PDB file of N, CA and C in Angstrom:
ATOM      1  N   MET A   1       1.979  -2.941  64.721  1.00  0.00           N
ATOM      2  CA  MET A   1       0.840  -1.427  64.777  1.00  0.00           C
ATOM      3  C   MET A   1       0.825   0.122  64.996  1.00  0.00           C
ATOM      4  N   GLY A   2       0.739   1.171  64.500  1.00  0.00           N
ATOM      5  CA  GLY A   2       1.325   2.249  64.062  1.00  0.00           C
ATOM      6  C   GLY A   2       1.255   3.014  65.853  1.00  0.00           C
ATOM      7  N   GLY A   3       2.016   3.597  65.511  1.00  0.00           N
ATOM      8  CA  GLY A   3       2.503   4.642  66.450  1.00  0.00           C
ATOM      9  C   GLY A   3       1.849   5.320  67.121  1.00  0.00           C
ATOM     10  N   GLU A   4       0.651   5.971  66.297  1.00  0.00           N
ATOM     11  CA  GLU A   4       0.258   6.724  66.137  1.00  0.00           C
ATOM     12  C   GLU A   4      -0.730   7.237  67.027  1.00  0.00           C
ATOM     13  N   ALA A   5      -1.510   5.699  66.898  1.00  0.00           N
ATOM     14  CA  ALA A   5      -2.403   4.985  67.184  1.00  0.00           C
ATOM     15  C   ALA A   5      -2.615   4.864  68.906  1.00  0.00           C
ATOM     16  N   PHE A   6      -1.882   5.308  69.339  1.00  0.00           N
ATOM     17  CA  PHE A   6      -1.265   4.783  70.169  1.00  0.00           C
ATOM     18  C   PHE A   6      -1.115   6.590  70.833  1.00  0.00           C
ATOM     19  N   LYS A   7      -0.675   6.757  69.722  1.00  0.00           N
ATOM     20  CA  LYS A   7      -0.220   8.723  70.547  1.00  0.00           C
ATOM     21  C   LYS A   7      -2.249   9.299  71.140  1.00  0.00           C
ATOM     22  N   ALA A   8      -2.470   9.026  70.048  1.00  0.00           N
ATOM     23  CA  ALA A   8      -3.394   9.425  69.909  1.00  0.00           C
ATOM     24  C   ALA A   8      -4.412   9.338  70.848  1.00  0.00           C
ATOM     25  N   LEU A   9      -4.539   7.565  70.980  1.00  0.00           N
ATOM     26  CA  LEU A   9      -5.785   6.956  72.257  1.00  0.00           C
ATOM     27  C   LEU A   9      -4.875   7.870  73.541  1.00  0.00           C
ATOM     28  N   ALA A  10      -3.832   8.079  73.753  1.00  0.00           N
ATOM     29  CA  ALA A  10      -2.641   8.750  74.555  1.00  0.00           C
ATOM     30  C   ALA A  10      -3.835   9.695  75.696  1.00  0.00           C
ATOM     31  N   ASP A  11      -4.572  10.479  74.495  1.00  0.00           N
ATOM     32  CA  ASP A  11      -5.400  11.774  75.055  1.00  0.00           C
ATOM     33  C   ASP A  11      -6.671  11.704  75.700  1.00  0.00           C
ATOM     34  N   PRO A  12      -7.539  11.799  76.641  1.00  0.00           N
ATOM     35  CA  PRO A  12      -8.354  11.676  77.100  1.00  0.00           C
ATOM     36  C   PRO A  12      -9.748  12.502  76.196  1.00  0.00           C
ATOM     37  N   THR A  13      -9.712  14.083  76.400  1.00  0.00           N
ATOM     38  CA  THR A  13     -10.283  13.917  74.509  1.00  0.00           C
ATOM     39  C   THR A  13     -10.519  13.104  73.677  1.00  0.00           C
ATOM     40  N   ARG A  14      -9.631  12.923  72.571  1.00  0.00           N
ATOM     41  CA  ARG A  14      -9.691  11.729  72.176  1.00  0.00           C
ATOM     42  C   ARG A  14     -10.708  10.235  72.153  1.00  0.00           C
ATOM     43  N   ARG A  15     -10.011  10.206  73.196  1.00  0.00           N
ATOM     44  CA  ARG A  15     -10.555   8.862  74.101  1.00  0.00           C
ATOM     45  C   ARG A  15     -12.682   9.007  74.179  1.00  0.00           C
ATOM     46  N   ARG A  16     -12.762   9.868  74.691  1.00  0.00           N
ATOM     47  CA  ARG A  16     -14.085   9.903  75.177  1.00  0.00           C
ATOM     48  C   ARG A  16     -14.715  10.587  73.402  1.00  0.00           C
ATOM     49  N   ILE A  17     -13.831  11.310  72.333  1.00  0.00           N
ATOM     50  CA  ILE A  17     -15.512  11.520  71.042  1.00  0.00           C
ATOM     51  C   ILE A  17     -14.944  10.721  70.808  1.00  0.00           C
ATOM     52  N   LEU A  18     -13.766   9.096  70.629  1.00  0.00           N
ATOM     53  CA  LEU A  18     -14.686   7.828  70.104  1.00  0.00           C
ATOM     54  C   LEU A  18     -15.866   7.204  71.210  1.00  0.00           C
ATOM     55  N   GLU A  19     -15.540   7.321  72.285  1.00  0.00           N
ATOM     56  CA  GLU A  19     -16.831   6.842  73.126  1.00  0.00           C
ATOM     57  C   GLU A  19     -17.631   7.618  72.609  1.00  0.00           C
ATOM     58  N   LEU A  20     -18.696   8.478  72.259  1.00  0.00           N
ATOM     59  CA  LEU A  20     -19.794   9.108  71.415  1.00  0.00           C
ATOM     60  C   LEU A  20     -19.556   8.578  70.231  1.00  0.00           C
ATOM     61  N   LEU A  21     -18.516   8.621  69.637  1.00  0.00           N
ATOM     62  CA  LEU A  21     -18.568   7.394  67.823  1.00  0.00           C
ATOM     63  C   LEU A  21     -19.008   6.357  67.953  1.00  0.00           C
ATOM     64  N   ARG A  22     -18.871   5.840  69.303  1.00  0.00           N
ATOM     65  CA  ARG A  22     -19.274   4.541  69.455  1.00  0.00           C
ATOM     66  C   ARG A  22     -21.028   4.527  69.334  1.00  0.00           C
ATOM     67  N   CYS A  23     -21.258   5.382  70.214  1.00  0.00           N
ATOM     68  CA  CYS A  23     -23.306   5.716  69.488  1.00  0.00           C
ATOM     69  C   CYS A  23     -23.132   5.661  68.241  1.00  0.00           C
ATOM     70  N   GLY A  24     -22.685   6.461  67.547  1.00  0.00           N
ATOM     71  CA  GLY A  24     -23.469   6.650  66.080  1.00  0.00           C
ATOM     72  C   GLY A  24     -22.394   7.442  65.757  1.00  0.00           C
ATOM     73  N   ASP A  25     -22.417   7.879  64.150  1.00  0.00           N
ATOM     74  CA  ASP A  25     -21.692   8.673  63.906  1.00  0.00           C
ATOM     75  C   ASP A  25     -22.253  10.316  64.446  1.00  0.00           C
ATOM     76  N   LEU A  26     -21.439  11.268  63.609  1.00  0.00           N
ATOM     77  CA  LEU A  26     -21.967  13.029  64.464  1.00  0.00           C
ATOM     78  C   LEU A  26     -20.755  14.101  63.300  1.00  0.00           C
ATOM     79  N   THR A  27     -21.138  14.579  63.501  1.00  0.00           N
ATOM     80  CA  THR A  27     -21.037  15.906  63.159  1.00  0.00           C
ATOM     81  C   THR A  27     -19.546  16.398  63.792  1.00  0.00           C
ATOM     82  N   ALA A  28     -18.492  16.906  63.611  1.00  0.00           N
ATOM     83  CA  ALA A  28     -18.047  17.949  64.895  1.00  0.00           C
ATOM     84  C   ALA A  28     -18.180  18.933  65.401  1.00  0.00           C
ATOM     85  N   GLY A  29     -19.434  19.341  64.361  1.00  0.00           N
ATOM     86  CA  GLY A  29     -20.254  20.507  65.964  1.00  0.00           C
ATOM     87  C   GLY A  29     -21.223  19.905  67.143  1.00  0.00           C
ATOM     88  N   GLN A  30     -21.890  18.583  66.781  1.00  0.00           N
ATOM     89  CA  GLN A  30     -21.836  17.888  67.293  1.00  0.00           C
ATOM     90  C   GLN A  30     -21.457  17.077  68.751  1.00  0.00           C
ATOM     91  N   LEU A  31     -20.717  16.962  68.436  1.00  0.00           N
ATOM     92  CA  LEU A  31     -18.544  16.706  68.730  1.00  0.00           C
ATOM     93  C   LEU A  31     -18.411  17.941  69.780  1.00  0.00           C
ATOM     94  N   ALA A  32     -18.347  18.811  69.425  1.00  0.00           N
ATOM     95  CA  ALA A  32     -17.909  20.092  69.769  1.00  0.00           C
ATOM     96  C   ALA A  32     -19.180  20.450  71.379  1.00  0.00           C
ATOM     97  N   GLU A  33     -19.974  20.314  71.243  1.00  0.00           N
ATOM     98  CA  GLU A  33     -21.271  20.128  72.630  1.00  0.00           C
ATOM     99  C   GLU A  33     -21.610  19.746  73.472  1.00  0.00           C
ATOM    100  N   HIS A  34     -20.268  19.112  73.706  1.00  0.00           N
ATOM    101  CA  HIS A  34     -19.436  17.532  74.762  1.00  0.00           C
ATOM    102  C   HIS A  34     -19.368  17.999  75.140  1.00  0.00           C
ATOM    103  N   PHE A  35     -18.391  19.116  74.712  1.00  0.00           N
ATOM    104  CA  PHE A  35     -16.544  19.696  75.350  1.00  0.00           C
ATOM    105  C   PHE A  35     -16.134  21.184  75.239  1.00  0.00           C
ATOM    106  N   ASP A  36     -16.737  21.040  76.440  1.00  0.00           N
ATOM    107  CA  ASP A  36     -15.642  23.445  76.953  1.00  0.00           C
ATOM    108  C   ASP A  36     -14.487  23.596  76.484  1.00  0.00           C
ATOM    109  N   MET A  37     -14.136  23.359  75.371  1.00  0.00           N
ATOM    110  CA  MET A  37     -12.617  24.148  73.953  1.00  0.00           C
ATOM    111  C   MET A  37     -13.629  25.116  72.854  1.00  0.00           C
ATOM    112  N   THR A  38     -12.787  25.018  71.740  1.00  0.00           N
ATOM    113  CA  THR A  38     -13.016  25.622  70.475  1.00  0.00           C
ATOM    114  C   THR A  38     -13.425  24.282  70.045  1.00  0.00           C
ATOM    115  N   LYS A  39     -14.042  24.956  68.716  1.00  0.00           N
ATOM    116  CA  LYS A  39     -13.804  24.253  67.243  1.00  0.00           C
ATOM    117  C   LYS A  39     -12.681  24.021  67.035  1.00  0.00           C
ATOM    118  N   PRO A  40     -11.405  24.693  66.876  1.00  0.00           N
ATOM    119  CA  PRO A  40     -10.514  24.749  66.155  1.00  0.00           C
ATOM    120  C   PRO A  40     -10.339  23.746  67.166  1.00  0.00           C
ATOM    121  N   SER A  41     -10.132  23.187  68.290  1.00  0.00           N
ATOM    122  CA  SER A  41      -9.864  22.767  69.435  1.00  0.00           C
ATOM    123  C   SER A  41     -10.089  20.859  69.041  1.00  0.00           C
ATOM    124  N   ILE A  42     -11.450  21.289  69.072  1.00  0.00           N
ATOM    125  CA  ILE A  42     -12.041  19.652  67.981  1.00  0.00           C
ATOM    126  C   ILE A  42     -11.526  19.421  67.597  1.00  0.00           C
ATOM    127  N   SER A  43     -11.708  19.876  66.337  1.00  0.00           N
ATOM    128  CA  SER A  43     -10.350  19.471  65.568  1.00  0.00           C
ATOM    129  C   SER A  43      -9.292  19.000  64.924  1.00  0.00           C
ATOM    130  N   HIS A  44      -8.197  19.633  66.001  1.00  0.00           N
ATOM    131  CA  HIS A  44      -6.887  18.781  66.366  1.00  0.00           C
ATOM    132  C   HIS A  44      -7.488  17.551  66.629  1.00  0.00           C
ATOM    133  N   HIS A  45      -7.930  17.635  67.341  1.00  0.00           N
ATOM    134  CA  HIS A  45      -8.491  16.229  67.996  1.00  0.00           C
ATOM    135  C   HIS A  45      -8.481  15.746  66.996  1.00  0.00           C
ATOM    136  N   LEU A  46     -10.372  15.533  66.359  1.00  0.00           N
ATOM    137  CA  LEU A  46     -10.129  14.864  65.291  1.00  0.00           C
ATOM    138  C   LEU A  46      -9.757  14.773  63.794  1.00  0.00           C
ATOM    139  N   ASN A  47      -8.130  15.553  63.348  1.00  0.00           N
ATOM    140  CA  ASN A  47      -8.174  15.326  62.905  1.00  0.00           C
ATOM    141  C   ASN A  47      -6.952  14.015  63.492  1.00  0.00           C
ATOM    142  N   ALA A  48      -6.134  14.439  64.145  1.00  0.00           N
ATOM    143  CA  ALA A  48      -5.360  13.555  65.424  1.00  0.00           C
ATOM    144  C   ALA A  48      -5.179  11.988  65.130  1.00  0.00           C
ATOM    145  N   LEU A  49      -6.969  12.050  65.670  1.00  0.00           N
ATOM    146  CA  LEU A  49      -7.733  10.623  65.402  1.00  0.00           C
ATOM    147  C   LEU A  49      -7.677  10.527  63.814  1.00  0.00           C
ATOM    148  N   LYS A  50      -8.094  10.592  62.695  1.00  0.00           N
ATOM    149  CA  LYS A  50      -8.378  10.708  61.678  1.00  0.00           C
ATOM    150  C   LYS A  50      -6.759  10.015  60.853  1.00  0.00           C
ATOM    151  N   ALA A  51      -5.660  10.892  61.189  1.00  0.00           N
ATOM    152  CA  ALA A  51      -4.065  10.526  61.614  1.00  0.00           C
ATOM    153  C   ALA A  51      -3.656   9.231  61.760  1.00  0.00           C
ATOM    154  N   ALA A  52      -4.159   8.617  62.760  1.00  0.00           N
ATOM    155  CA  ALA A  52      -3.939   7.711  63.637  1.00  0.00           C
ATOM    156  C   ALA A  52      -5.129   6.514  62.585  1.00  0.00           C
ATOM    157  N   GLY A  53      -6.055   6.873  61.983  1.00  0.00           N
ATOM    158  CA  GLY A  53      -7.297   5.608  61.348  1.00  0.00           C
ATOM    159  C   GLY A  53      -8.010   5.231  62.318  1.00  0.00           C
ATOM    160  N   LEU A  54      -8.066   6.083  63.357  1.00  0.00           N
ATOM    161  CA  LEU A  54      -9.274   5.394  63.966  1.00  0.00           C
ATOM    162  C   LEU A  54     -10.783   5.696  63.893  1.00  0.00           C
ATOM    163  N   VAL A  55     -10.629   7.380  63.236  1.00  0.00           N
ATOM    164  CA  VAL A  55     -12.240   7.307  62.881  1.00  0.00           C
ATOM    165  C   VAL A  55     -12.268   8.008  61.095  1.00  0.00           C
ATOM    166  N   ASP A  56     -13.047   7.537  60.729  1.00  0.00           N
ATOM    167  CA  ASP A  56     -13.161   8.166  59.153  1.00  0.00           C
ATOM    168  C   ASP A  56     -14.246   9.142  59.453  1.00  0.00           C
ATOM    169  N   ALA A  57     -14.428  10.617  58.059  1.00  0.00           N
ATOM    170  CA  ALA A  57     -14.546  12.006  57.966  1.00  0.00           C
ATOM    171  C   ALA A  57     -15.376  11.725  56.415  1.00  0.00           C
ATOM    172  N   GLU A  58     -16.350  12.102  56.554  1.00  0.00           N
ATOM    173  CA  GLU A  58     -17.069  12.038  54.729  1.00  0.00           C
ATOM    174  C   GLU A  58     -18.415  13.295  55.346  1.00  0.00           C
ATOM    175  N   ARG A  59     -17.818  13.636  53.995  1.00  0.00           N
ATOM    176  CA  ARG A  59     -18.187  14.917  53.836  1.00  0.00           C
ATOM    177  C   ARG A  59     -20.132  14.560  53.599  1.00  0.00           C
ATOM    178  N   ALA A  60     -21.455  15.749  53.968  1.00  0.00           N
ATOM    179  CA  ALA A  60     -21.950  15.606  53.774  1.00  0.00           C
ATOM    180  C   ALA A  60     -22.666  16.691  53.866  1.00  0.00           C
ATOM    181  N   GLY A  61     -23.321  17.445  53.104  1.00  0.00           N
ATOM    182  CA  GLY A  61     -23.289  18.618  52.567  1.00  0.00           C
ATOM    183  C   GLY A  61     -21.681  18.800  53.466  1.00  0.00           C
ATOM    184  N   GLN A  62     -22.691  20.944  53.877  1.00  0.00           N
ATOM    185  CA  GLN A  62     -21.878  21.847  54.251  1.00  0.00           C
ATOM    186  C   GLN A  62     -20.568  20.734  55.784  1.00  0.00           C
ATOM    187  N   SER A  63     -21.250  19.818  56.258  1.00  0.00           N
ATOM    188  CA  SER A  63     -20.911  19.146  57.472  1.00  0.00           C
ATOM    189  C   SER A  63     -20.006  18.062  56.453  1.00  0.00           C
ATOM    190  N   ILE A  64     -19.257  17.722  57.858  1.00  0.00           N
ATOM    191  CA  ILE A  64     -18.345  16.754  58.106  1.00  0.00           C
ATOM    192  C   ILE A  64     -19.119  15.853  59.424  1.00  0.00           C
ATOM    193  N   VAL A  65     -18.668  14.667  58.696  1.00  0.00           N
ATOM    194  CA  VAL A  65     -19.673  13.711  59.360  1.00  0.00           C
ATOM    195  C   VAL A  65     -18.631  11.862  59.331  1.00  0.00           C
ATOM    196  N   TYR A  66     -18.087  12.438  61.219  1.00  0.00           N
ATOM    197  CA  TYR A  66     -17.603  11.268  61.638  1.00  0.00           C
ATOM    198  C   TYR A  66     -17.894  10.245  62.216  1.00  0.00           C
ATOM    199  N   SER A  67     -16.822   8.713  61.501  1.00  0.00           N
ATOM    200  CA  SER A  67     -17.422   7.609  62.206  1.00  0.00           C
ATOM    201  C   SER A  67     -16.297   7.158  63.155  1.00  0.00           C
ATOM    202  N   LEU A  68     -16.447   5.758  63.643  1.00  0.00           N
ATOM    203  CA  LEU A  68     -15.413   5.140  64.212  1.00  0.00           C
ATOM    204  C   LEU A  68     -14.916   4.199  62.977  1.00  0.00           C
ATOM    205  N   ASN A  69     -13.471   4.142  63.396  1.00  0.00           N
ATOM    206  CA  ASN A  69     -13.042   3.146  62.190  1.00  0.00           C
ATOM    207  C   ASN A  69     -12.962   2.304  62.370  1.00  0.00           C
ATOM    208  N   THR A  70     -14.114   0.317  62.505  1.00  0.00           N
ATOM    209  CA  THR A  70     -14.006  -0.169  63.944  1.00  0.00           C
ATOM    210  C   THR A  70     -12.743  -1.353  63.602  1.00  0.00           C
ATOM    211  N   SER A  71     -12.369  -1.200  62.452  1.00  0.00           N
ATOM    212  CA  SER A  71     -11.388  -2.372  61.983  1.00  0.00           C
ATOM    213  C   SER A  71     -10.236  -1.977  62.431  1.00  0.00           C
ATOM    214  N   VAL A  72      -9.175  -0.439  63.101  1.00  0.00           N
ATOM    215  CA  VAL A  72      -8.340  -0.572  62.925  1.00  0.00           C
ATOM    216  C   VAL A  72      -8.290  -0.807  64.630  1.00  0.00           C
ATOM    217  N   LEU A  73      -9.306  -0.100  65.368  1.00  0.00           N
ATOM    218  CA  LEU A  73      -9.784  -0.446  67.199  1.00  0.00           C
ATOM    219  C   LEU A  73     -10.182  -1.955  67.299  1.00  0.00           C
ATOM    220  N   GLN A  74     -10.300  -2.625  66.410  1.00  0.00           N
ATOM    221  CA  GLN A  74     -10.729  -4.521  66.510  1.00  0.00           C
ATOM    222  C   GLN A  74      -8.773  -4.414  66.189  1.00  0.00           C
ATOM    223  N   ASP A  75      -7.649  -4.470  65.805  1.00  0.00           N
ATOM    224  CA  ASP A  75      -6.594  -4.618  65.521  1.00  0.00           C
ATOM    225  C   ASP A  75      -6.133  -4.279  66.905  1.00  0.00           C
ATOM    226  N   LEU A  76      -6.224  -3.422  67.135  1.00  0.00           N
ATOM    227  CA  LEU A  76      -5.814  -2.461  68.724  1.00  0.00           C
ATOM    228  C   LEU A  76      -5.897  -3.700  69.428  1.00  0.00           C
ATOM    229  N   MET A  77      -7.609  -3.272  70.028  1.00  0.00           N
ATOM    230  CA  MET A  77      -7.796  -5.100  70.755  1.00  0.00           C
ATOM    231  C   MET A  77      -6.993  -6.091  71.020  1.00  0.00           C
ATOM    232  N   SER A  78      -6.717  -6.614  69.671  1.00  0.00           N
ATOM    233  CA  SER A  78      -6.837  -7.747  69.469  1.00  0.00           C
ATOM    234  C   SER A  78      -5.329  -7.932  69.423  1.00  0.00           C
ATOM    235  N   TRP A  79      -4.212  -6.808  69.736  1.00  0.00           N
ATOM    236  CA  TRP A  79      -2.965  -7.105  70.192  1.00  0.00           C
ATOM    237  C   TRP A  79      -2.273  -6.611  72.046  1.00  0.00           C
ATOM    238  N   PHE A  80      -3.213  -5.837  72.574  1.00  0.00           N
ATOM    239  CA  PHE A  80      -4.114  -5.928  73.607  1.00  0.00           C
ATOM    240  C   PHE A  80      -4.263  -7.619  74.260  1.00  0.00           C
ATOM    241  N   LEU A  81      -4.789  -8.174  73.345  1.00  0.00           N
ATOM    242  CA  LEU A  81      -4.924  -9.405  74.267  1.00  0.00           C
ATOM    243  C   LEU A  81      -4.038 -10.131  73.990  1.00  0.00           C
ATOM    244  N   THR A  82      -3.694 -10.490  73.981  1.00  0.00           N
ATOM    245  CA  THR A  82      -1.695 -11.226  73.084  1.00  0.00           C
ATOM    246  C   THR A  82      -1.436 -10.759  74.478  1.00  0.00           C
ATOM    247  N   PHE A  83      -1.786  -9.516  75.042  1.00  0.00           N
ATOM    248  CA  PHE A  83      -1.067  -9.288  76.611  1.00  0.00           C
ATOM    249  C   PHE A  83      -1.641 -10.415  77.420  1.00  0.00           C
ATOM    250  N   THR A  84      -2.246  -9.994  77.496  1.00  0.00           N
ATOM    251  CA  THR A  84      -3.696 -10.915  77.829  1.00  0.00           C
ATOM    252  C   THR A  84      -3.861 -12.393  78.101  1.00  0.00           C
ATOM    253  N   ASP A  85      -3.412 -13.063  76.822  1.00  0.00           N
ATOM    254  CA  ASP A  85      -3.408 -14.024  77.353  1.00  0.00           C
ATOM    255  C   ASP A  85      -1.140 -14.903  77.263  1.00  0.00           C
ATOM    256  N   ARG A  86      -0.959 -14.497  77.019  1.00  0.00           N
ATOM    257  CA  ARG A  86       0.766 -14.026  78.130  1.00  0.00           C
ATOM    258  C   ARG A  86       0.950 -13.962  79.107  1.00  0.00           C
ATOM    259  N   SER A  87       0.403 -13.285  80.024  1.00  0.00           N
ATOM    260  CA  SER A  87       0.146 -12.886  81.555  1.00  0.00           C
ATOM    261  C   SER A  87      -0.416 -14.232  81.718  1.00  0.00           C
ATOM    262  N   ASP A  88      -1.913 -14.310  81.436  1.00  0.00           N
ATOM    263  CA  ASP A  88      -1.994 -15.833  82.291  1.00  0.00           C
ATOM    264  C   ASP A  88      -1.348 -17.065  81.913  1.00  0.00           C
ATOM    265  N   SER A  89      -0.416 -17.285  81.054  1.00  0.00           N
ATOM    266  CA  SER A  89       0.256 -18.675  80.512  1.00  0.00           C
ATOM    267  C   SER A  89       1.404 -18.810  82.124  1.00  0.00           C
ATOM    268  N   ASN A  90       1.927 -17.007  82.344  1.00  0.00           N
ATOM    269  CA  ASN A  90       2.338 -17.259  83.248  1.00  0.00           C
ATOM    270  C   ASN A  90       2.072 -17.206  85.044  1.00  0.00           C
ATOM    271  N   ASP A  91       0.995 -17.658  85.258  1.00  0.00           N
ATOM    272  CA  ASP A  91       0.558 -17.487  86.168  1.00  0.00           C
ATOM    273  C   ASP A  91       0.225 -19.068  86.485  1.00  0.00           C
ATOM    274  N   ARG A  92       0.619 -19.811  85.737  1.00  0.00           N
ATOM    275  CA  ARG A  92       0.364 -21.607  85.960  1.00  0.00           C
ATOM    276  C   ARG A  92       1.506 -21.524  86.469  1.00  0.00           C
TER     277      ARG A  92
END
């Protein structure tokens, strides 16, 4: 499990970006509308999410459209669930 994904998820802005993308693909400009920060700041967060493999980016004309990389998120969730399974078995 890559440490980049955990570092990316530690930031509340990045978690919010992932929540927004859960509802559908968005451009950087559309994402920026949800935050009170500069577009370069949003771009920095998107680059961190891309580097962690949590989002994919695809050029569409003049815009870049961002989407969730669900396979990486599913891998992370599976990893987290291994801790739940262990703690359940320790309670018995």
